[in-house]
N, C-alpha and C. Protein backbone atom coordinates (compact mmCIF):
# COMPACT_ATOMS: atom_id res chain seq x y z
N MET A 1 -18.29 -2.32 -19.29
CA MET A 1 -17.20 -2.18 -18.35
C MET A 1 -16.65 -0.74 -18.40
N LEU A 2 -16.66 -0.13 -19.58
CA LEU A 2 -16.20 1.24 -19.71
C LEU A 2 -17.11 2.20 -18.95
N LYS A 3 -18.40 1.94 -18.95
CA LYS A 3 -19.34 2.78 -18.22
C LYS A 3 -19.10 2.67 -16.71
N GLU A 4 -18.80 1.46 -16.25
CA GLU A 4 -18.51 1.27 -14.83
C GLU A 4 -17.24 2.01 -14.43
N PHE A 5 -16.24 1.96 -15.30
CA PHE A 5 -14.98 2.67 -15.02
C PHE A 5 -15.23 4.18 -14.98
N LYS A 6 -16.02 4.69 -15.93
CA LYS A 6 -16.33 6.12 -15.95
C LYS A 6 -17.08 6.52 -14.68
N ALA A 7 -18.03 5.69 -14.26
CA ALA A 7 -18.77 5.98 -13.03
C ALA A 7 -17.85 5.97 -11.81
N PHE A 8 -16.89 5.05 -11.81
CA PHE A 8 -15.93 4.97 -10.71
C PHE A 8 -15.05 6.21 -10.66
N ILE A 9 -14.55 6.62 -11.82
CA ILE A 9 -13.67 7.79 -11.88
C ILE A 9 -14.42 9.07 -11.55
N MET A 10 -15.66 9.16 -11.94
CA MET A 10 -16.42 10.38 -11.75
C MET A 10 -16.82 10.62 -10.29
N LYS A 11 -16.62 9.64 -9.44
CA LYS A 11 -16.90 9.84 -8.03
C LYS A 11 -15.88 10.84 -7.47
N GLY A 12 -16.33 11.71 -6.63
CA GLY A 12 -15.45 12.71 -6.05
C GLY A 12 -14.36 12.13 -5.18
N ASN A 13 -14.64 11.01 -4.52
CA ASN A 13 -13.67 10.42 -3.61
C ASN A 13 -12.41 9.97 -4.34
N VAL A 14 -12.55 9.45 -5.54
CA VAL A 14 -11.39 8.96 -6.29
C VAL A 14 -10.50 10.14 -6.67
N ILE A 15 -11.10 11.21 -7.14
CA ILE A 15 -10.33 12.39 -7.52
C ILE A 15 -9.65 12.99 -6.29
N ASP A 16 -10.37 13.09 -5.19
CA ASP A 16 -9.79 13.63 -3.96
C ASP A 16 -8.59 12.82 -3.50
N LEU A 17 -8.71 11.50 -3.57
CA LEU A 17 -7.61 10.63 -3.16
C LEU A 17 -6.41 10.80 -4.08
N ALA A 18 -6.65 10.87 -5.39
CA ALA A 18 -5.55 11.04 -6.33
C ALA A 18 -4.83 12.36 -6.10
N VAL A 19 -5.58 13.42 -5.89
CA VAL A 19 -4.98 14.73 -5.63
C VAL A 19 -4.16 14.69 -4.34
N ALA A 20 -4.71 14.05 -3.31
CA ALA A 20 -4.00 13.96 -2.03
C ALA A 20 -2.69 13.21 -2.16
N VAL A 21 -2.68 12.13 -2.93
CA VAL A 21 -1.45 11.35 -3.10
C VAL A 21 -0.39 12.17 -3.84
N VAL A 22 -0.79 12.84 -4.91
CA VAL A 22 0.18 13.63 -5.69
C VAL A 22 0.70 14.80 -4.87
N ILE A 23 -0.18 15.53 -4.21
CA ILE A 23 0.25 16.67 -3.40
C ILE A 23 1.12 16.19 -2.24
N GLY A 24 0.76 15.08 -1.64
CA GLY A 24 1.57 14.54 -0.54
C GLY A 24 2.97 14.17 -0.99
N GLY A 25 3.09 13.57 -2.18
CA GLY A 25 4.41 13.24 -2.71
C GLY A 25 5.24 14.48 -2.99
N ALA A 26 4.61 15.50 -3.57
CA ALA A 26 5.33 16.75 -3.86
C ALA A 26 5.73 17.46 -2.57
N PHE A 27 4.86 17.45 -1.59
CA PHE A 27 5.20 18.09 -0.31
C PHE A 27 6.29 17.30 0.42
N GLY A 28 6.25 15.98 0.27
CA GLY A 28 7.32 15.15 0.86
C GLY A 28 8.67 15.49 0.27
N ALA A 29 8.70 15.81 -1.04
CA ALA A 29 9.96 16.20 -1.67
C ALA A 29 10.47 17.52 -1.10
N ILE A 30 9.56 18.44 -0.78
CA ILE A 30 9.98 19.71 -0.16
C ILE A 30 10.58 19.45 1.21
N ILE A 31 9.95 18.61 2.00
CA ILE A 31 10.46 18.32 3.35
C ILE A 31 11.81 17.62 3.27
N SER A 32 11.95 16.66 2.36
CA SER A 32 13.23 15.96 2.20
C SER A 32 14.33 16.94 1.79
N SER A 33 14.01 17.86 0.88
CA SER A 33 15.00 18.84 0.45
C SER A 33 15.35 19.79 1.59
N LEU A 34 14.36 20.19 2.35
CA LEU A 34 14.61 21.09 3.47
C LEU A 34 15.57 20.45 4.47
N VAL A 35 15.31 19.20 4.79
CA VAL A 35 16.17 18.52 5.76
C VAL A 35 17.54 18.19 5.17
N GLY A 36 17.55 17.61 3.95
CA GLY A 36 18.81 17.17 3.37
C GLY A 36 19.68 18.27 2.83
N ASP A 37 19.09 19.33 2.31
CA ASP A 37 19.87 20.37 1.64
C ASP A 37 20.06 21.63 2.47
N ILE A 38 19.23 21.85 3.47
CA ILE A 38 19.33 23.08 4.26
C ILE A 38 19.73 22.80 5.71
N ILE A 39 18.92 22.01 6.41
CA ILE A 39 19.13 21.83 7.86
C ILE A 39 20.38 21.01 8.16
N THR A 40 20.50 19.85 7.51
CA THR A 40 21.64 18.97 7.81
C THR A 40 22.98 19.64 7.53
N PRO A 41 23.19 20.29 6.39
CA PRO A 41 24.49 20.96 6.18
C PRO A 41 24.75 22.06 7.19
N LEU A 42 23.71 22.78 7.61
CA LEU A 42 23.93 23.83 8.61
C LEU A 42 24.36 23.24 9.95
N LEU A 43 23.87 22.04 10.25
CA LEU A 43 24.25 21.41 11.51
C LEU A 43 25.63 20.75 11.42
N LEU A 44 25.98 20.20 10.26
CA LEU A 44 27.22 19.44 10.14
C LEU A 44 28.44 20.29 9.81
N THR A 45 28.26 21.41 9.12
CA THR A 45 29.42 22.21 8.70
C THR A 45 30.23 22.70 9.90
N PRO A 46 29.59 23.26 10.95
CA PRO A 46 30.40 23.69 12.11
C PRO A 46 31.11 22.52 12.79
N ALA A 47 30.46 21.36 12.82
CA ALA A 47 31.09 20.19 13.44
C ALA A 47 32.29 19.74 12.62
N MET A 48 32.17 19.80 11.29
CA MET A 48 33.29 19.39 10.43
C MET A 48 34.45 20.38 10.55
N GLU A 49 34.14 21.66 10.63
CA GLU A 49 35.20 22.67 10.77
C GLU A 49 35.88 22.53 12.13
N ALA A 50 35.11 22.23 13.17
CA ALA A 50 35.68 22.07 14.51
C ALA A 50 36.59 20.85 14.56
N ALA A 51 36.26 19.84 13.76
CA ALA A 51 37.09 18.63 13.74
C ALA A 51 38.35 18.84 12.89
N GLY A 52 38.41 19.96 12.19
CA GLY A 52 39.59 20.25 11.39
C GLY A 52 39.61 19.51 10.07
N VAL A 53 38.46 19.27 9.49
CA VAL A 53 38.40 18.58 8.20
C VAL A 53 38.86 19.55 7.13
N ASP A 54 39.91 19.17 6.39
CA ASP A 54 40.45 20.02 5.34
C ASP A 54 40.11 19.50 3.95
N ASP A 55 39.50 18.33 3.89
CA ASP A 55 39.17 17.73 2.60
C ASP A 55 38.09 18.56 1.91
N ILE A 56 38.35 18.99 0.70
CA ILE A 56 37.42 19.84 -0.05
C ILE A 56 36.11 19.09 -0.32
N ALA A 57 36.18 17.82 -0.67
CA ALA A 57 34.97 17.05 -0.97
C ALA A 57 34.08 16.95 0.26
N ALA A 58 34.68 16.76 1.42
CA ALA A 58 33.90 16.64 2.66
C ALA A 58 33.25 17.98 3.01
N LEU A 59 33.98 19.08 2.79
CA LEU A 59 33.40 20.39 3.07
C LEU A 59 32.31 20.74 2.06
N ALA A 60 32.48 20.32 0.80
CA ALA A 60 31.47 20.58 -0.21
C ALA A 60 30.18 19.83 0.13
N TRP A 61 30.31 18.67 0.76
CA TRP A 61 29.12 17.93 1.15
C TRP A 61 28.33 18.71 2.19
N GLY A 62 29.02 19.49 2.98
CA GLY A 62 28.36 20.24 4.05
C GLY A 62 27.82 21.59 3.62
N THR A 63 27.86 21.91 2.32
CA THR A 63 27.35 23.21 1.89
C THR A 63 25.82 23.19 1.80
N VAL A 64 25.24 24.35 2.03
CA VAL A 64 23.79 24.50 1.95
C VAL A 64 23.41 24.59 0.48
N LYS A 65 22.50 23.72 0.07
CA LYS A 65 22.08 23.68 -1.34
C LYS A 65 20.68 24.27 -1.44
N TYR A 66 20.61 25.58 -1.32
CA TYR A 66 19.31 26.24 -1.34
C TYR A 66 18.66 26.16 -2.72
N GLY A 67 19.45 25.98 -3.76
CA GLY A 67 18.90 25.83 -5.10
C GLY A 67 18.05 24.58 -5.22
N ASN A 68 18.49 23.49 -4.62
CA ASN A 68 17.70 22.25 -4.63
C ASN A 68 16.37 22.45 -3.90
N PHE A 69 16.43 23.18 -2.78
CA PHE A 69 15.21 23.44 -2.02
C PHE A 69 14.24 24.31 -2.82
N LEU A 70 14.76 25.37 -3.44
CA LEU A 70 13.90 26.24 -4.25
C LEU A 70 13.31 25.47 -5.44
N SER A 71 14.10 24.57 -6.00
CA SER A 71 13.60 23.74 -7.10
C SER A 71 12.43 22.87 -6.64
N ALA A 72 12.53 22.29 -5.45
CA ALA A 72 11.45 21.46 -4.91
C ALA A 72 10.19 22.30 -4.66
N VAL A 73 10.38 23.52 -4.17
CA VAL A 73 9.24 24.40 -3.92
C VAL A 73 8.56 24.79 -5.23
N ILE A 74 9.35 25.12 -6.25
CA ILE A 74 8.79 25.49 -7.55
C ILE A 74 8.06 24.30 -8.17
N LYS A 75 8.63 23.11 -8.07
CA LYS A 75 7.95 21.92 -8.58
C LYS A 75 6.61 21.72 -7.88
N PHE A 76 6.58 21.94 -6.56
CA PHE A 76 5.35 21.80 -5.81
C PHE A 76 4.29 22.78 -6.30
N ILE A 77 4.69 24.02 -6.53
CA ILE A 77 3.75 25.04 -6.99
C ILE A 77 3.22 24.69 -8.37
N VAL A 78 4.09 24.23 -9.27
CA VAL A 78 3.65 23.86 -10.62
C VAL A 78 2.70 22.66 -10.56
N ILE A 79 3.04 21.65 -9.78
CA ILE A 79 2.19 20.47 -9.65
C ILE A 79 0.83 20.87 -9.06
N SER A 80 0.83 21.73 -8.06
CA SER A 80 -0.42 22.17 -7.46
C SER A 80 -1.28 22.93 -8.46
N TRP A 81 -0.67 23.79 -9.27
CA TRP A 81 -1.41 24.55 -10.26
C TRP A 81 -2.02 23.63 -11.32
N ILE A 82 -1.24 22.66 -11.79
CA ILE A 82 -1.74 21.72 -12.80
C ILE A 82 -2.89 20.89 -12.22
N LEU A 83 -2.75 20.43 -10.99
CA LEU A 83 -3.84 19.68 -10.37
C LEU A 83 -5.09 20.54 -10.20
N PHE A 84 -4.90 21.81 -9.88
CA PHE A 84 -6.04 22.72 -9.77
C PHE A 84 -6.78 22.80 -11.10
N LEU A 85 -6.03 22.94 -12.18
CA LEU A 85 -6.65 23.02 -13.51
C LEU A 85 -7.36 21.72 -13.87
N ILE A 86 -6.75 20.59 -13.53
CA ILE A 86 -7.36 19.29 -13.83
C ILE A 86 -8.66 19.12 -13.05
N VAL A 87 -8.65 19.45 -11.77
CA VAL A 87 -9.85 19.30 -10.95
C VAL A 87 -10.94 20.27 -11.42
N LYS A 88 -10.53 21.48 -11.80
CA LYS A 88 -11.51 22.44 -12.32
C LYS A 88 -12.16 21.91 -13.60
N ALA A 89 -11.36 21.35 -14.51
CA ALA A 89 -11.91 20.77 -15.74
C ALA A 89 -12.80 19.57 -15.42
N PHE A 90 -12.37 18.75 -14.48
CA PHE A 90 -13.17 17.59 -14.07
C PHE A 90 -14.53 18.02 -13.55
N ASN A 91 -14.53 19.06 -12.71
CA ASN A 91 -15.80 19.53 -12.14
C ASN A 91 -16.71 20.09 -13.22
N SER A 92 -16.16 20.78 -14.21
CA SER A 92 -17.02 21.30 -15.28
C SER A 92 -17.58 20.17 -16.14
N ILE A 93 -16.78 19.12 -16.37
CA ILE A 93 -17.27 17.95 -17.13
C ILE A 93 -18.35 17.23 -16.32
N LYS A 94 -18.12 17.12 -15.03
CA LYS A 94 -19.08 16.43 -14.17
C LYS A 94 -20.42 17.16 -14.16
N LYS A 95 -20.38 18.50 -14.16
CA LYS A 95 -21.62 19.28 -14.18
C LYS A 95 -22.36 19.09 -15.49
N LYS A 96 -21.62 18.97 -16.59
CA LYS A 96 -22.27 18.76 -17.89
C LYS A 96 -22.93 17.39 -17.97
N ASP A 97 -22.30 16.39 -17.35
CA ASP A 97 -22.83 15.03 -17.40
C ASP A 97 -24.07 14.84 -16.54
N GLU A 98 -24.20 15.65 -15.51
CA GLU A 98 -25.34 15.51 -14.62
C GLU A 98 -26.59 16.02 -15.32
N ALA A 99 -27.67 15.27 -15.18
CA ALA A 99 -28.95 15.69 -15.77
C ALA A 99 -29.52 16.83 -14.95
N PRO A 100 -30.19 17.76 -15.62
CA PRO A 100 -30.79 18.85 -14.84
C PRO A 100 -31.90 18.29 -13.95
N ALA A 101 -32.06 18.92 -12.82
CA ALA A 101 -33.08 18.46 -11.87
C ALA A 101 -34.47 18.70 -12.46
N PRO A 102 -35.35 17.73 -12.27
CA PRO A 102 -36.71 17.93 -12.79
C PRO A 102 -37.39 19.08 -12.05
N PRO A 103 -38.32 19.74 -12.72
CA PRO A 103 -38.99 20.84 -12.03
C PRO A 103 -39.77 20.30 -10.84
N PRO A 104 -39.83 21.08 -9.79
CA PRO A 104 -40.54 20.58 -8.60
C PRO A 104 -42.02 20.39 -8.90
N GLY A 105 -42.55 19.31 -8.39
CA GLY A 105 -43.96 19.00 -8.57
C GLY A 105 -44.83 19.82 -7.64
N PRO A 106 -46.11 19.60 -7.70
CA PRO A 106 -47.01 20.34 -6.81
C PRO A 106 -46.78 19.94 -5.36
N THR A 107 -46.99 20.89 -4.49
CA THR A 107 -46.83 20.61 -3.07
C THR A 107 -48.03 19.81 -2.56
N GLN A 108 -47.91 19.34 -1.36
CA GLN A 108 -48.99 18.55 -0.77
C GLN A 108 -50.27 19.39 -0.63
N GLU A 109 -50.12 20.66 -0.29
CA GLU A 109 -51.28 21.54 -0.14
C GLU A 109 -51.98 21.73 -1.49
N GLU A 110 -51.18 21.89 -2.56
CA GLU A 110 -51.77 22.06 -3.89
C GLU A 110 -52.54 20.80 -4.32
N LEU A 111 -51.95 19.65 -4.04
CA LEU A 111 -52.64 18.39 -4.38
C LEU A 111 -53.94 18.25 -3.60
N LEU A 112 -53.90 18.56 -2.32
CA LEU A 112 -55.12 18.47 -1.51
C LEU A 112 -56.17 19.46 -1.99
N THR A 113 -55.74 20.63 -2.40
CA THR A 113 -56.69 21.61 -2.93
C THR A 113 -57.33 21.11 -4.22
N GLN A 114 -56.54 20.50 -5.09
CA GLN A 114 -57.08 19.95 -6.34
C GLN A 114 -58.07 18.82 -6.05
N ILE A 115 -57.75 17.97 -5.10
CA ILE A 115 -58.65 16.87 -4.74
C ILE A 115 -59.96 17.43 -4.18
N ARG A 116 -59.85 18.43 -3.32
CA ARG A 116 -61.05 19.06 -2.75
C ARG A 116 -61.93 19.66 -3.85
N ASP A 117 -61.28 20.35 -4.79
CA ASP A 117 -62.04 20.95 -5.88
C ASP A 117 -62.71 19.91 -6.75
N LEU A 118 -62.02 18.78 -7.00
CA LEU A 118 -62.61 17.71 -7.80
C LEU A 118 -63.79 17.06 -7.05
N LEU A 119 -63.66 16.92 -5.75
CA LEU A 119 -64.75 16.33 -4.97
C LEU A 119 -65.96 17.27 -4.92
N LYS A 120 -65.76 18.55 -4.96
CA LYS A 120 -66.86 19.51 -4.97
C LYS A 120 -67.66 19.41 -6.26
N LYS A 121 -66.99 19.11 -7.37
CA LYS A 121 -67.67 18.99 -8.66
C LYS A 121 -68.48 17.74 -8.66
């Protein structure tokens, strides 16, 4: 059963899917941060000021949190780098596990020439 699991994991499709899921989740965090921490406060702050909101907590909610966005971008870069290293290591292990290709055999012309020579004898 362990051999079957190793064969399953060593398929390129499984690794590609795992990388896509992790990268997609990290990129989704960037988009969520962009919308929640940058775009929404920029849209709501002028509306809150126009309405005459004087509550400090309400105005603080409308502040642009660029630090959260930069944090999401940095996390994405770190996750991408780590995945790159993992896939690179996986590919080198996969190459070691693969048996070297057998040397090419004689071509059809060479075989026919050998047969002709044997028939001449």
